[in-house]
């Protein structure tokens, strides 16, 4: 059974940093692309960043390029999202996700609020 558990969200001032973590279980973690999505109030869920299984190549939404960094630790079965230079528009619930056997799985999400 696929399980994804996010942590690390919170309230941060504009310009600040946060590191999100996602602990995965129930599937061969090192074989799958892992992604972070976010959903702001009244908006659709959007892809923030992805990291490949083996080469750890990464892709980012234009809105976060240069500010966010996705990484993974296959030994610990964790994926991370380091967020820097945070802006109020980064406020959202952030979700860890994996696509396996044509089904996209989600964690419960962690709230990130950027406000002074």
C-alpha atoms as a PDB file:
ATOM      1  CA  UNK A   1       0.000   0.000   0.000  1.00  0.00           C
ATOM      2  CA  UNK A   2       1.481   3.290  -1.114  1.00  0.00           C
ATOM      3  CA  UNK A   3       1.896   5.809   1.687  1.00  0.00           C
ATOM      4  CA  UNK A   4       3.299   9.309   1.427  1.00  0.00           C
ATOM      5  CA  UNK A   5       3.694  11.472   4.516  1.00  0.00           C
ATOM      6  CA  UNK A   6       4.739  15.105   4.209  1.00  0.00           C
ATOM      7  CA  UNK A   7       6.215  17.271   6.930  1.00  0.00           C
ATOM      8  CA  UNK A   8       8.025  20.571   7.379  1.00  0.00           C
ATOM      9  CA  UNK A   9       5.400  23.121   6.480  1.00  0.00           C
ATOM     10  CA  UNK A  10       4.673  26.199   8.544  1.00  0.00           C
ATOM     11  CA  UNK A  11       4.500  29.970   8.665  1.00  0.00           C
ATOM     12  CA  UNK A  12       7.463  31.871   7.258  1.00  0.00           C
ATOM     13  CA  UNK A  13       8.123  35.511   6.416  1.00  0.00           C
ATOM     14  CA  UNK A  14       8.661  36.627   2.823  1.00  0.00           C
ATOM     15  CA  UNK A  15      12.239  35.938   1.808  1.00  0.00           C
ATOM     16  CA  UNK A  16      12.521  33.064   4.247  1.00  0.00           C
ATOM     17  CA  UNK A  17      13.186  29.370   3.708  1.00  0.00           C
ATOM     18  CA  UNK A  18      11.555  26.057   4.496  1.00  0.00           C
ATOM     19  CA  UNK A  19      12.452  22.447   3.815  1.00  0.00           C
ATOM     20  CA  UNK A  20       9.658  19.991   3.164  1.00  0.00           C
ATOM     21  CA  UNK A  21      10.126  16.256   3.548  1.00  0.00           C
ATOM     22  CA  UNK A  22       8.116  13.323   2.260  1.00  0.00           C
ATOM     23  CA  UNK A  23       8.527   9.826   3.649  1.00  0.00           C
ATOM     24  CA  UNK A  24       7.435   7.104   1.231  1.00  0.00           C
ATOM     25  CA  UNK A  25       6.537   3.462   1.763  1.00  0.00           C
ATOM     26  CA  UNK A  26       4.702   0.608   0.093  1.00  0.00           C
ATOM     27  CA  UNK A  27       6.473   0.700  -3.264  1.00  0.00           C
ATOM     28  CA  UNK A  28      10.037   0.461  -4.645  1.00  0.00           C
ATOM     29  CA  UNK A  29      10.869   4.098  -4.051  1.00  0.00           C
ATOM     30  CA  UNK A  30      14.136   4.194  -5.974  1.00  0.00           C
ATOM     31  CA  UNK A  31      12.375   3.124  -9.189  1.00  0.00           C
ATOM     32  CA  UNK A  32       9.889   5.980  -9.419  1.00  0.00           C
ATOM     33  CA  UNK A  33       9.780   9.623 -10.340  1.00  0.00           C
ATOM     34  CA  UNK A  34       8.733  11.677  -7.327  1.00  0.00           C
ATOM     35  CA  UNK A  35       6.978  15.013  -7.507  1.00  0.00           C
ATOM     36  CA  UNK A  36       5.841  17.927  -5.390  1.00  0.00           C
ATOM     37  CA  UNK A  37       2.581  19.681  -6.197  1.00  0.00           C
ATOM     38  CA  UNK A  38       0.855  22.576  -4.501  1.00  0.00           C
ATOM     39  CA  UNK A  39      -2.666  23.944  -4.301  1.00  0.00           C
ATOM     40  CA  UNK A  40      -3.479  27.471  -3.245  1.00  0.00           C
ATOM     41  CA  UNK A  41      -6.975  28.476  -2.078  1.00  0.00           C
ATOM     42  CA  UNK A  42      -9.326  28.758  -5.033  1.00  0.00           C
ATOM     43  CA  UNK A  43      -6.752  27.480  -7.491  1.00  0.00           C
ATOM     44  CA  UNK A  44      -6.064  24.192  -9.209  1.00  0.00           C
ATOM     45  CA  UNK A  45      -3.322  21.893  -8.003  1.00  0.00           C
ATOM     46  CA  UNK A  46      -0.100  22.552  -9.896  1.00  0.00           C
ATOM     47  CA  UNK A  47       3.153  20.695 -10.405  1.00  0.00           C
ATOM     48  CA  UNK A  48       6.039  22.360  -8.607  1.00  0.00           C
ATOM     49  CA  UNK A  49       8.985  20.017  -9.175  1.00  0.00           C
ATOM     50  CA  UNK A  50       9.872  16.464 -10.144  1.00  0.00           C
ATOM     51  CA  UNK A  51      12.942  14.284  -9.753  1.00  0.00           C
ATOM     52  CA  UNK A  52      13.723  11.185 -11.766  1.00  0.00           C
ATOM     53  CA  UNK A  53      14.368   7.784 -10.255  1.00  0.00           C
ATOM     54  CA  UNK A  54      17.967   6.976 -11.163  1.00  0.00           C
ATOM     55  CA  UNK A  55      19.719   9.973 -12.631  1.00  0.00           C
ATOM     56  CA  UNK A  56      17.973  12.386 -10.261  1.00  0.00           C
ATOM     57  CA  UNK A  57      17.418  14.805 -13.054  1.00  0.00           C
ATOM     58  CA  UNK A  58      14.994  17.530 -12.041  1.00  0.00           C
ATOM     59  CA  UNK A  59      12.321  19.748 -13.538  1.00  0.00           C
ATOM     60  CA  UNK A  60      10.679  22.828 -12.058  1.00  0.00           C
ATOM     61  CA  UNK A  61       7.730  25.080 -12.655  1.00  0.00           C
ATOM     62  CA  UNK A  62       8.866  28.424 -14.034  1.00  0.00           C
ATOM     63  CA  UNK A  63       7.467  30.149 -10.961  1.00  0.00           C
ATOM     64  CA  UNK A  64       9.914  28.391  -8.620  1.00  0.00           C
ATOM     65  CA  UNK A  65      13.041  27.977 -10.776  1.00  0.00           C
ATOM     66  CA  UNK A  66      16.108  29.245  -9.001  1.00  0.00           C
ATOM     67  CA  UNK A  67      14.337  29.320  -5.629  1.00  0.00           C
ATOM     68  CA  UNK A  68      13.266  25.715  -4.980  1.00  0.00           C
ATOM     69  CA  UNK A  69      15.366  22.555  -5.069  1.00  0.00           C
ATOM     70  CA  UNK A  70      13.990  19.026  -5.135  1.00  0.00           C
ATOM     71  CA  UNK A  71      16.173  16.136  -3.970  1.00  0.00           C
ATOM     72  CA  UNK A  72      15.822  12.536  -2.890  1.00  0.00           C
ATOM     73  CA  UNK A  73      17.476   9.997  -0.627  1.00  0.00           C
ATOM     74  CA  UNK A  74      16.701   6.547  -1.975  1.00  0.00           C
ATOM     75  CA  UNK A  75      18.222   4.863   1.072  1.00  0.00           C
ATOM     76  CA  UNK A  76      15.852   6.693   3.394  1.00  0.00           C
ATOM     77  CA  UNK A  77      12.955   6.600   0.902  1.00  0.00           C
ATOM     78  CA  UNK A  78      12.499  10.341   1.219  1.00  0.00           C
ATOM     79  CA  UNK A  79      12.067  13.230  -1.143  1.00  0.00           C
ATOM     80  CA  UNK A  80      12.703  16.824  -0.153  1.00  0.00           C
ATOM     81  CA  UNK A  81      11.771  20.281  -1.336  1.00  0.00           C
ATOM     82  CA  UNK A  82      14.094  23.066  -0.234  1.00  0.00           C
ATOM     83  CA  UNK A  83      12.299  26.369  -0.667  1.00  0.00           C
ATOM     84  CA  UNK A  84      14.148  29.679  -0.495  1.00  0.00           C
ATOM     85  CA  UNK A  85      13.301  33.313  -1.189  1.00  0.00           C
ATOM     86  CA  UNK A  86       9.707  32.477  -0.411  1.00  0.00           C
ATOM     87  CA  UNK A  87       6.981  34.795  -1.630  1.00  0.00           C
ATOM     88  CA  UNK A  88       3.391  35.275  -0.453  1.00  0.00           C
ATOM     89  CA  UNK A  89       2.235  33.646  -3.688  1.00  0.00           C
ATOM     90  CA  UNK A  90       3.986  30.440  -2.616  1.00  0.00           C
ATOM     91  CA  UNK A  91       1.330  30.042   0.093  1.00  0.00           C
ATOM     92  CA  UNK A  92      -0.402  26.715  -0.535  1.00  0.00           C
ATOM     93  CA  UNK A  93      -0.818  23.165   0.635  1.00  0.00           C
ATOM     94  CA  UNK A  94       2.130  21.180  -0.689  1.00  0.00           C
ATOM     95  CA  UNK A  95       1.687  17.555  -1.679  1.00  0.00           C
ATOM     96  CA  UNK A  96       4.146  14.770  -2.347  1.00  0.00           C
ATOM     97  CA  UNK A  97       3.087  12.493  -5.204  1.00  0.00           C
ATOM     98  CA  UNK A  98       3.997   9.391  -7.165  1.00  0.00           C
ATOM     99  CA  UNK A  99       2.473   7.864 -10.290  1.00  0.00           C
ATOM    100  CA  UNK A 100       2.415   4.097 -10.079  1.00  0.00           C
ATOM    101  CA  UNK A 101       0.474   1.632 -12.231  1.00  0.00           C
ATOM    102  CA  UNK A 102      -1.499   4.471 -13.831  1.00  0.00           C
ATOM    103  CA  UNK A 103      -2.636   5.707 -10.423  1.00  0.00           C
ATOM    104  CA  UNK A 104      -1.393   8.960  -8.929  1.00  0.00           C
ATOM    105  CA  UNK A 105      -0.953   8.766  -5.186  1.00  0.00           C
ATOM    106  CA  UNK A 106      -0.920  11.743  -2.850  1.00  0.00           C
ATOM    107  CA  UNK A 107       0.144  12.483   0.671  1.00  0.00           C
ATOM    108  CA  UNK A 108      -2.090  14.366   3.079  1.00  0.00           C
ATOM    109  CA  UNK A 109      -0.329  17.635   2.336  1.00  0.00           C
ATOM    110  CA  UNK A 110       1.501  20.175   4.449  1.00  0.00           C
ATOM    111  CA  UNK A 111       0.520  23.833   4.711  1.00  0.00           C
ATOM    112  CA  UNK A 112       3.034  26.510   3.788  1.00  0.00           C
ATOM    113  CA  UNK A 113       2.074  30.080   4.600  1.00  0.00           C
ATOM    114  CA  UNK A 114       4.293  32.985   3.569  1.00  0.00           C
ATOM    115  CA  UNK A 115       3.264  36.140   5.371  1.00  0.00           C
ATOM    116  CA  UNK A 116       4.691  38.963   7.391  1.00  0.00           C
END
